[in-house]
Amino acid sequence: MEEFESEDIFETEDQSPKTGSGVFRFLVDILETVLLSVILFLGINATTARVRVDGQSMIPTFDSGEFIIVSKLSYKFGEPELGDVVVFHLPRDPDQDYIKRVIGLPGDEVIIQDGVIFVNGQELSEAYVNASPTYSGRWEVPEDALFVLGDNRNNSSDSHSWGPVPMEYIVGKAVFVYWPITSMGVIDHPSVALAAP
């Protein structure tokens, strides 16, 4: 009986990469990256704003040209406090954004006389101001508004000129200076000390 040797014949697959599949994977990777970037961009814009300080009204706290990150969520989950630095749409021109410090909360009475600020009859002690105000006046803060002043009191367009800011115009709380690098850091919101009545 004759024996025959048989050889298994295997068809070898082309080991070279498939060009069509590589291009498809590359396009999918790009699409995923773009989609993730869009989601991150929308998420960041929904929770924060970036603003540039323009002018001298917040000296010595901020210099003109500094860039600041603003938290839009701060007042969604909490209430404004005296001393907070806030960014808001200017009531008489909502296309303009201003940055100022909260001096009066809803329902407060703010009186400025002889260079001293009184909130509900109590003197305000502020270490962050450039100079005491040279103007005077009395304001009742509506229940849905904030009374704001620039730290450079005598060189600031603020609530002493055009009144309280409605809460609906508040963009958020200033939280971080990110430019220039020499000014980079978390923004301090000191508790405003009220003297005993």
C-alpha atoms as a PDB file:
ATOM      1  CA  MET A   1       0.000   0.000   0.000  1.00  0.00           C
ATOM      2  CA  GLU A   2       1.471   3.234  -1.042  1.00  0.00           C
ATOM      3  CA  GLU A   3       1.529   6.097   1.367  1.00  0.00           C
ATOM      4  CA  PHE A   4       1.215   9.544   0.139  1.00  0.00           C
ATOM      5  CA  GLU A   5       2.439  12.514   2.073  1.00  0.00           C
ATOM      6  CA  SER A   6       0.102  15.372   1.923  1.00  0.00           C
ATOM      7  CA  GLU A   7       0.961  18.907   2.718  1.00  0.00           C
ATOM      8  CA  ASP A   8      -1.545  21.195   4.183  1.00  0.00           C
ATOM      9  CA  ILE A   9      -1.684  24.287   2.123  1.00  0.00           C
ATOM     10  CA  PHE A  10      -2.507  27.427   4.059  1.00  0.00           C
ATOM     11  CA  GLU A  11      -3.374  30.588   2.348  1.00  0.00           C
ATOM     12  CA  THR A  12      -1.306  33.332   3.894  1.00  0.00           C
ATOM     13  CA  GLU A  13      -3.120  36.552   4.596  1.00  0.00           C
ATOM     14  CA  ASP A  14      -1.627  39.781   3.471  1.00  0.00           C
ATOM     15  CA  GLN A  15       0.118  41.079   6.584  1.00  0.00           C
ATOM     16  CA  SER A  16       0.309  44.645   5.320  1.00  0.00           C
ATOM     17  CA  PRO A  17      -2.039  47.047   7.147  1.00  0.00           C
ATOM     18  CA  LYS A  18      -5.310  47.785   5.473  1.00  0.00           C
ATOM     19  CA  THR A  19      -5.196  51.386   4.400  1.00  0.00           C
ATOM     20  CA  GLY A  20      -8.971  51.907   4.489  1.00  0.00           C
ATOM     21  CA  SER A  21      -9.275  50.614   8.056  1.00  0.00           C
ATOM     22  CA  GLY A  22      -6.365  52.790   9.292  1.00  0.00           C
ATOM     23  CA  VAL A  23      -7.882  55.939   7.809  1.00  0.00           C
ATOM     24  CA  PHE A  24     -11.268  55.092   9.324  1.00  0.00           C
ATOM     25  CA  ARG A  25      -9.712  54.606  12.815  1.00  0.00           C
ATOM     26  CA  PHE A  26      -7.844  57.912  12.435  1.00  0.00           C
ATOM     27  CA  LEU A  27     -11.058  59.744  11.517  1.00  0.00           C
ATOM     28  CA  VAL A  28     -12.912  58.173  14.468  1.00  0.00           C
ATOM     29  CA  ASP A  29     -10.104  59.283  16.821  1.00  0.00           C
ATOM     30  CA  ILE A  30     -10.304  62.843  15.489  1.00  0.00           C
ATOM     31  CA  LEU A  31     -14.095  62.868  15.824  1.00  0.00           C
ATOM     32  CA  GLU A  32     -13.875  61.615  19.421  1.00  0.00           C
ATOM     33  CA  THR A  33     -11.304  64.300  20.266  1.00  0.00           C
ATOM     34  CA  VAL A  34     -13.406  67.073  18.713  1.00  0.00           C
ATOM     35  CA  LEU A  35     -16.560  65.834  20.453  1.00  0.00           C
ATOM     36  CA  LEU A  36     -14.802  65.699  23.834  1.00  0.00           C
ATOM     37  CA  SER A  37     -13.401  69.195  23.264  1.00  0.00           C
ATOM     38  CA  VAL A  38     -16.864  70.566  22.470  1.00  0.00           C
ATOM     39  CA  ILE A  39     -18.363  68.927  25.580  1.00  0.00           C
ATOM     40  CA  LEU A  40     -15.564  70.330  27.763  1.00  0.00           C
ATOM     41  CA  PHE A  41     -15.914  73.788  26.176  1.00  0.00           C
ATOM     42  CA  LEU A  42     -19.684  73.850  26.745  1.00  0.00           C
ATOM     43  CA  GLY A  43     -19.276  72.567  30.304  1.00  0.00           C
ATOM     44  CA  ILE A  44     -16.629  75.149  31.166  1.00  0.00           C
ATOM     45  CA  ASN A  45     -18.683  77.968  29.613  1.00  0.00           C
ATOM     46  CA  ALA A  46     -21.801  76.855  31.507  1.00  0.00           C
ATOM     47  CA  THR A  47     -20.035  76.998  34.869  1.00  0.00           C
ATOM     48  CA  THR A  48     -17.426  79.744  34.456  1.00  0.00           C
ATOM     49  CA  ALA A  49     -16.719  82.991  32.642  1.00  0.00           C
ATOM     50  CA  ARG A  50     -13.425  84.638  31.796  1.00  0.00           C
ATOM     51  CA  VAL A  51     -13.221  88.408  32.111  1.00  0.00           C
ATOM     52  CA  ARG A  52     -10.551  91.044  31.687  1.00  0.00           C
ATOM     53  CA  VAL A  53     -10.283  93.851  34.225  1.00  0.00           C
ATOM     54  CA  ASP A  54     -10.455  97.117  32.328  1.00  0.00           C
ATOM     55  CA  GLY A  55      -9.756 100.303  34.236  1.00  0.00           C
ATOM     56  CA  GLN A  56      -8.602 101.445  37.665  1.00  0.00           C
ATOM     57  CA  SER A  57     -11.794 100.990  39.711  1.00  0.00           C
ATOM     58  CA  MET A  58     -10.616  97.903  41.638  1.00  0.00           C
ATOM     59  CA  ILE A  59      -7.091  99.062  42.542  1.00  0.00           C
ATOM     60  CA  PRO A  60      -5.366  97.882  44.725  1.00  0.00           C
ATOM     61  CA  THR A  61      -7.125  94.482  44.485  1.00  0.00           C
ATOM     62  CA  PHE A  62      -6.872  94.198  40.678  1.00  0.00           C
ATOM     63  CA  ASP A  63      -4.868  96.013  38.051  1.00  0.00           C
ATOM     64  CA  SER A  64      -6.186  96.866  34.625  1.00  0.00           C
ATOM     65  CA  GLY A  65      -5.415  94.074  32.155  1.00  0.00           C
ATOM     66  CA  GLU A  66      -5.651  91.171  34.592  1.00  0.00           C
ATOM     67  CA  PHE A  67      -7.701  88.169  33.477  1.00  0.00           C
ATOM     68  CA  ILE A  68     -10.059  86.520  35.944  1.00  0.00           C
ATOM     69  CA  ILE A  69     -12.096  83.311  36.124  1.00  0.00           C
ATOM     70  CA  VAL A  70     -15.619  83.801  37.422  1.00  0.00           C
ATOM     71  CA  SER A  71     -17.710  81.015  38.963  1.00  0.00           C
ATOM     72  CA  LYS A  72     -21.268  81.101  37.637  1.00  0.00           C
ATOM     73  CA  LEU A  73     -22.300  78.421  40.146  1.00  0.00           C
ATOM     74  CA  SER A  74     -21.367  80.246  43.368  1.00  0.00           C
ATOM     75  CA  TYR A  75     -24.771  81.849  43.793  1.00  0.00           C
ATOM     76  CA  LYS A  76     -26.717  78.894  42.429  1.00  0.00           C
ATOM     77  CA  PHE A  77     -25.724  76.954  45.544  1.00  0.00           C
ATOM     78  CA  GLY A  78     -25.005  79.787  47.970  1.00  0.00           C
ATOM     79  CA  GLU A  79     -25.776  83.389  48.825  1.00  0.00           C
ATOM     80  CA  PRO A  80     -23.635  86.483  48.226  1.00  0.00           C
ATOM     81  CA  GLU A  81     -21.765  87.785  51.249  1.00  0.00           C
ATOM     82  CA  LEU A  82     -20.392  91.194  52.160  1.00  0.00           C
ATOM     83  CA  GLY A  83     -16.897  91.461  50.702  1.00  0.00           C
ATOM     84  CA  ASP A  84     -17.499  89.154  47.727  1.00  0.00           C
ATOM     85  CA  VAL A  85     -16.029  90.339  44.432  1.00  0.00           C
ATOM     86  CA  VAL A  86     -18.651  89.889  41.722  1.00  0.00           C
ATOM     87  CA  VAL A  87     -18.919  90.312  37.977  1.00  0.00           C
ATOM     88  CA  PHE A  88     -22.227  91.578  36.606  1.00  0.00           C
ATOM     89  CA  HIS A  89     -23.909  93.054  33.564  1.00  0.00           C
ATOM     90  CA  LEU A  90     -24.144  96.823  33.935  1.00  0.00           C
ATOM     91  CA  PRO A  91     -27.857  97.548  34.539  1.00  0.00           C
ATOM     92  CA  ARG A  92     -27.920 100.567  32.216  1.00  0.00           C
ATOM     93  CA  ASP A  93     -25.965  98.730  29.495  1.00  0.00           C
ATOM     94  CA  PRO A  94     -26.181  94.907  29.873  1.00  0.00           C
ATOM     95  CA  ASP A  95     -23.633  94.407  27.081  1.00  0.00           C
ATOM     96  CA  GLN A  96     -20.947  95.686  29.462  1.00  0.00           C
ATOM     97  CA  ASP A  97     -19.590  93.565  32.320  1.00  0.00           C
ATOM     98  CA  TYR A  98     -18.264  95.232  35.491  1.00  0.00           C
ATOM     99  CA  ILE A  99     -16.355  93.867  38.470  1.00  0.00           C
ATOM    100  CA  LYS A 100     -16.985  95.317  41.962  1.00  0.00           C
ATOM    101  CA  ARG A 101     -17.180  94.362  45.638  1.00  0.00           C
ATOM    102  CA  VAL A 102     -20.433  93.608  47.475  1.00  0.00           C
ATOM    103  CA  ILE A 103     -21.062  96.223  50.161  1.00  0.00           C
ATOM    104  CA  GLY A 104     -24.806  95.813  50.713  1.00  0.00           C
ATOM    105  CA  LEU A 105     -26.991  92.701  50.620  1.00  0.00           C
ATOM    106  CA  PRO A 106     -30.724  92.511  49.842  1.00  0.00           C
ATOM    107  CA  GLY A 107     -32.690  94.549  52.393  1.00  0.00           C
ATOM    108  CA  ASP A 108     -29.629  96.398  53.758  1.00  0.00           C
ATOM    109  CA  GLU A 109     -29.399 100.127  54.363  1.00  0.00           C
ATOM    110  CA  VAL A 110     -26.090 101.611  53.185  1.00  0.00           C
ATOM    111  CA  ILE A 111     -25.024 105.056  54.379  1.00  0.00           C
ATOM    112  CA  ILE A 112     -21.796 106.774  53.349  1.00  0.00           C
ATOM    113  CA  GLN A 113     -20.761 109.913  55.207  1.00  0.00           C
ATOM    114  CA  ASP A 114     -17.481 111.540  56.225  1.00  0.00           C
ATOM    115  CA  GLY A 115     -15.501 108.829  54.430  1.00  0.00           C
ATOM    116  CA  VAL A 116     -17.137 106.028  56.428  1.00  0.00           C
ATOM    117  CA  ILE A 117     -19.559 103.339  55.191  1.00  0.00           C
ATOM    118  CA  PHE A 118     -22.339 102.131  57.471  1.00  0.00           C
ATOM    119  CA  VAL A 119     -24.403  99.009  56.746  1.00  0.00           C
ATOM    120  CA  ASN A 120     -27.563  98.797  58.835  1.00  0.00           C
ATOM    121  CA  GLY A 121     -26.072 101.323  61.239  1.00  0.00           C
ATOM    122  CA  GLN A 122     -22.786  99.443  61.693  1.00  0.00           C
ATOM    123  CA  GLU A 123     -19.489 100.843  60.472  1.00  0.00           C
ATOM    124  CA  LEU A 124     -17.761  98.839  57.773  1.00  0.00           C
ATOM    125  CA  SER A 125     -14.082  98.053  58.358  1.00  0.00           C
ATOM    126  CA  GLU A 126     -12.288  97.503  55.036  1.00  0.00           C
ATOM    127  CA  ALA A 127      -8.557  96.868  54.672  1.00  0.00           C
ATOM    128  CA  TYR A 128      -8.726  96.457  50.890  1.00  0.00           C
ATOM    129  CA  VAL A 129      -9.798  99.977  49.808  1.00  0.00           C
ATOM    130  CA  ASN A 130      -7.493 102.402  48.050  1.00  0.00           C
ATOM    131  CA  ALA A 131      -8.917 105.448  49.854  1.00  0.00           C
ATOM    132  CA  SER A 132     -12.017 106.392  51.809  1.00  0.00           C
ATOM    133  CA  PRO A 133     -14.921 107.698  49.721  1.00  0.00           C
ATOM    134  CA  THR A 134     -15.190 111.460  49.376  1.00  0.00           C
ATOM    135  CA  TYR A 135     -18.887 111.252  48.453  1.00  0.00           C
ATOM    136  CA  SER A 136     -21.891 110.627  50.667  1.00  0.00           C
ATOM    137  CA  GLY A 137     -25.391 109.205  50.358  1.00  0.00           C
ATOM    138  CA  ARG A 138     -27.981 106.777  51.640  1.00  0.00           C
ATOM    139  CA  TRP A 139     -29.353 103.744  49.784  1.00  0.00           C
ATOM    140  CA  GLU A 140     -31.911 101.035  50.547  1.00  0.00           C
ATOM    141  CA  VAL A 141     -30.928  97.806  48.796  1.00  0.00           C
ATOM    142  CA  PRO A 142     -33.964  96.090  47.208  1.00  0.00           C
ATOM    143  CA  GLU A 143     -34.687  92.471  48.157  1.00  0.00           C
ATOM    144  CA  ASP A 144     -33.495  91.184  44.778  1.00  0.00           C
ATOM    145  CA  ALA A 145     -30.347  93.293  44.399  1.00  0.00           C
ATOM    146  CA  LEU A 146     -26.789  93.988  45.638  1.00  0.00           C
ATOM    147  CA  PHE A 147     -25.053  97.272  46.429  1.00  0.00           C
ATOM    148  CA  VAL A 148     -21.543  97.215  44.936  1.00  0.00           C
ATOM    149  CA  LEU A 149     -18.561  99.560  45.052  1.00  0.00           C
ATOM    150  CA  GLY A 150     -15.118  99.565  43.472  1.00  0.00           C
ATOM    151  CA  ASP A 151     -12.159  99.238  45.834  1.00  0.00           C
ATOM    152  CA  ASN A 152     -10.754 102.427  44.319  1.00  0.00           C
ATOM    153  CA  ARG A 153     -13.729 104.249  45.821  1.00  0.00           C
ATOM    154  CA  ASN A 154     -13.160 107.685  44.321  1.00  0.00           C
ATOM    155  CA  ASN A 155     -12.422 106.442  40.818  1.00  0.00           C
ATOM    156  CA  SER A 156     -15.236 103.955  40.245  1.00  0.00           C
ATOM    157  CA  SER A 157     -18.565 103.896  38.443  1.00  0.00           C
ATOM    158  CA  ASP A 158     -20.675 101.790  40.785  1.00  0.00           C
ATOM    159  CA  SER A 159     -23.817 101.636  42.915  1.00  0.00           C
ATOM    160  CA  HIS A 160     -23.157 105.041  44.478  1.00  0.00           C
ATOM    161  CA  SER A 161     -23.621 106.490  40.967  1.00  0.00           C
ATOM    162  CA  TRP A 162     -26.346 104.349  39.392  1.00  0.00           C
ATOM    163  CA  GLY A 163     -27.874 102.268  42.196  1.00  0.00           C
ATOM    164  CA  PRO A 164     -28.004  98.605  43.236  1.00  0.00           C
ATOM    165  CA  VAL A 165     -27.481  95.719  40.790  1.00  0.00           C
ATOM    166  CA  PRO A 166     -30.443  93.335  40.307  1.00  0.00           C
ATOM    167  CA  MET A 167     -29.489  89.723  41.119  1.00  0.00           C
ATOM    168  CA  GLU A 168     -30.529  88.665  37.617  1.00  0.00           C
ATOM    169  CA  TYR A 169     -27.600  90.744  36.284  1.00  0.00           C
ATOM    170  CA  ILE A 170     -24.997  88.974  38.442  1.00  0.00           C
ATOM    171  CA  VAL A 171     -22.720  86.763  36.310  1.00  0.00           C
ATOM    172  CA  GLY A 172     -20.912  85.201  39.260  1.00  0.00           C
ATOM    173  CA  LYS A 173     -18.193  85.396  41.872  1.00  0.00           C
ATOM    174  CA  ALA A 174     -14.604  86.199  40.866  1.00  0.00           C
ATOM    175  CA  VAL A 175     -12.471  83.262  42.029  1.00  0.00           C
ATOM    176  CA  PHE A 176      -9.089  83.167  40.279  1.00  0.00           C
ATOM    177  CA  VAL A 177      -6.624  85.479  38.510  1.00  0.00           C
ATOM    178  CA  TYR A 178      -4.978  83.538  35.685  1.00  0.00           C
ATOM    179  CA  TRP A 179      -3.060  86.270  33.870  1.00  0.00           C
ATOM    180  CA  PRO A 180      -0.499  87.725  34.122  1.00  0.00           C
ATOM    181  CA  ILE A 181       1.429  84.884  35.738  1.00  0.00           C
ATOM    182  CA  THR A 182       2.884  87.264  38.337  1.00  0.00           C
ATOM    183  CA  SER A 183      -0.648  87.938  39.628  1.00  0.00           C
ATOM    184  CA  MET A 184      -1.890  84.351  39.321  1.00  0.00           C
ATOM    185  CA  GLY A 185      -3.755  83.030  42.333  1.00  0.00           C
ATOM    186  CA  VAL A 186      -7.017  82.484  44.173  1.00  0.00           C
ATOM    187  CA  ILE A 187      -8.947  85.690  44.861  1.00  0.00           C
ATOM    188  CA  ASP A 188      -9.332  86.484  48.544  1.00  0.00           C
ATOM    189  CA  HIS A 189     -12.831  87.426  49.668  1.00  0.00           C
ATOM    190  CA  PRO A 190     -12.222  88.797  53.146  1.00  0.00           C
ATOM    191  CA  SER A 191     -15.092  88.799  55.569  1.00  0.00           C
ATOM    192  CA  VAL A 192     -16.115  92.395  55.977  1.00  0.00           C
ATOM    193  CA  ALA A 193     -15.917  93.378  59.606  1.00  0.00           C
ATOM    194  CA  LEU A 194     -18.849  95.292  61.029  1.00  0.00           C
ATOM    195  CA  ALA A 195     -18.183  97.336  64.122  1.00  0.00           C
ATOM    196  CA  ALA A 196     -20.561  96.902  67.039  1.00  0.00           C
ATOM    197  CA  PRO A 197     -23.503  99.348  66.892  1.00  0.00           C
END
